[in-house]
Amino acid sequence: MTSELWVVDSFYHERLEAEDKLAVLLESGRLKPVCNVYEGFEMLPADLASLYQSGRARKLQVRFA
């Protein structure tokens, strides 16, 4: 498995092409986003810290009641 980082602001003029390519990868199942959903505002500091401690790129979502 390979990992790539896409920095949109560095190549903003190419974002539409990148979005098209990413959509194809998502639809084919070749790109699988990693997302962690946490519950509650009180856990937000620890959840943010976990992003940097894991060593893996991923998306963090916090659900508020």
C-alpha atoms as a PDB file:
ATOM      1  CA  MET A   1       0.000   0.000   0.000  1.00  0.00           C
ATOM      2  CA  THR A   2       1.307   3.439  -0.866  1.00  0.00           C
ATOM      3  CA  SER A   3       0.413   6.728   0.730  1.00  0.00           C
ATOM      4  CA  GLU A   4       0.276  10.128  -0.873  1.00  0.00           C
ATOM      5  CA  LEU A   5      -0.365  13.577   0.480  1.00  0.00           C
ATOM      6  CA  TRP A   6      -2.393  16.027  -1.598  1.00  0.00           C
ATOM      7  CA  VAL A   7      -1.858  19.677  -0.691  1.00  0.00           C
ATOM      8  CA  VAL A   8      -4.531  21.626  -2.526  1.00  0.00           C
ATOM      9  CA  ASP A   9      -3.323  25.134  -1.713  1.00  0.00           C
ATOM     10  CA  SER A  10       0.070  24.443  -3.306  1.00  0.00           C
ATOM     11  CA  PHE A  11      -1.569  23.474  -6.602  1.00  0.00           C
ATOM     12  CA  TYR A  12      -4.880  25.309  -6.415  1.00  0.00           C
ATOM     13  CA  HIS A  13      -4.977  25.835 -10.174  1.00  0.00           C
ATOM     14  CA  GLU A  14      -5.010  22.024 -10.621  1.00  0.00           C
ATOM     15  CA  ARG A  15      -7.662  21.270  -7.986  1.00  0.00           C
ATOM     16  CA  LEU A  16     -10.482  20.352 -10.388  1.00  0.00           C
ATOM     17  CA  GLU A  17      -8.310  17.789 -12.149  1.00  0.00           C
ATOM     18  CA  ALA A  18      -7.217  16.403  -8.768  1.00  0.00           C
ATOM     19  CA  GLU A  19     -10.832  16.159  -7.581  1.00  0.00           C
ATOM     20  CA  ASP A  20     -11.765  14.222 -10.724  1.00  0.00           C
ATOM     21  CA  LYS A  21      -8.875  11.790 -10.263  1.00  0.00           C
ATOM     22  CA  LEU A  22      -9.626  11.316  -6.570  1.00  0.00           C
ATOM     23  CA  ALA A  23     -13.308  10.673  -7.324  1.00  0.00           C
ATOM     24  CA  VAL A  24     -12.338   7.903  -9.754  1.00  0.00           C
ATOM     25  CA  LEU A  25     -10.079   6.316  -7.127  1.00  0.00           C
ATOM     26  CA  LEU A  26     -12.797   6.513  -4.470  1.00  0.00           C
ATOM     27  CA  GLU A  27     -15.424   4.998  -6.752  1.00  0.00           C
ATOM     28  CA  SER A  28     -13.113   2.156  -7.785  1.00  0.00           C
ATOM     29  CA  GLY A  29     -12.228   1.356  -4.175  1.00  0.00           C
ATOM     30  CA  ARG A  30      -8.517   2.042  -4.730  1.00  0.00           C
ATOM     31  CA  LEU A  31      -8.646   5.015  -2.343  1.00  0.00           C
ATOM     32  CA  LYS A  32      -9.973   4.395   1.136  1.00  0.00           C
ATOM     33  CA  PRO A  33     -10.203   7.453   3.385  1.00  0.00           C
ATOM     34  CA  VAL A  34      -9.310   6.947   7.025  1.00  0.00           C
ATOM     35  CA  CYS A  35     -11.676   8.781   9.336  1.00  0.00           C
ATOM     36  CA  ASN A  36     -12.059   8.703  13.081  1.00  0.00           C
ATOM     37  CA  VAL A  37     -15.268  10.057  14.626  1.00  0.00           C
ATOM     38  CA  TYR A  38     -15.152  11.100  18.263  1.00  0.00           C
ATOM     39  CA  GLU A  39     -18.043  12.084  20.498  1.00  0.00           C
ATOM     40  CA  GLY A  40     -18.184  15.283  22.543  1.00  0.00           C
ATOM     41  CA  PHE A  41     -16.458  18.607  22.908  1.00  0.00           C
ATOM     42  CA  GLU A  42     -14.746  17.672  26.176  1.00  0.00           C
ATOM     43  CA  MET A  43     -12.596  15.081  24.372  1.00  0.00           C
ATOM     44  CA  LEU A  44     -11.484  17.435  21.588  1.00  0.00           C
ATOM     45  CA  PRO A  45      -7.978  18.235  22.966  1.00  0.00           C
ATOM     46  CA  ALA A  46      -7.110  14.555  23.389  1.00  0.00           C
ATOM     47  CA  ASP A  47      -8.585  13.700  19.999  1.00  0.00           C
ATOM     48  CA  LEU A  48      -6.517  16.375  18.270  1.00  0.00           C
ATOM     49  CA  ALA A  49      -3.375  15.171  20.029  1.00  0.00           C
ATOM     50  CA  SER A  50      -4.055  11.618  18.813  1.00  0.00           C
ATOM     51  CA  LEU A  51      -3.802  12.818  15.209  1.00  0.00           C
ATOM     52  CA  TYR A  52      -0.151  13.706  15.737  1.00  0.00           C
ATOM     53  CA  GLN A  53       0.733  10.704  17.883  1.00  0.00           C
ATOM     54  CA  SER A  54      -0.483   8.006  15.502  1.00  0.00           C
ATOM     55  CA  GLY A  55       2.035   8.644  12.718  1.00  0.00           C
ATOM     56  CA  ARG A  56      -0.697   8.007  10.143  1.00  0.00           C
ATOM     57  CA  ALA A  57      -2.554  10.474   7.993  1.00  0.00           C
ATOM     58  CA  ARG A  58      -6.264  10.512   8.703  1.00  0.00           C
ATOM     59  CA  LYS A  59      -9.302  12.694   9.078  1.00  0.00           C
ATOM     60  CA  LEU A  60     -10.728  13.655  12.438  1.00  0.00           C
ATOM     61  CA  GLN A  61     -14.411  14.364  12.978  1.00  0.00           C
ATOM     62  CA  VAL A  62     -15.904  15.370  16.313  1.00  0.00           C
ATOM     63  CA  ARG A  63     -19.643  14.960  16.800  1.00  0.00           C
ATOM     64  CA  PHE A  64     -21.273  17.407  19.196  1.00  0.00           C
ATOM     65  CA  ALA A  65     -24.540  16.673  20.990  1.00  0.00           C
END
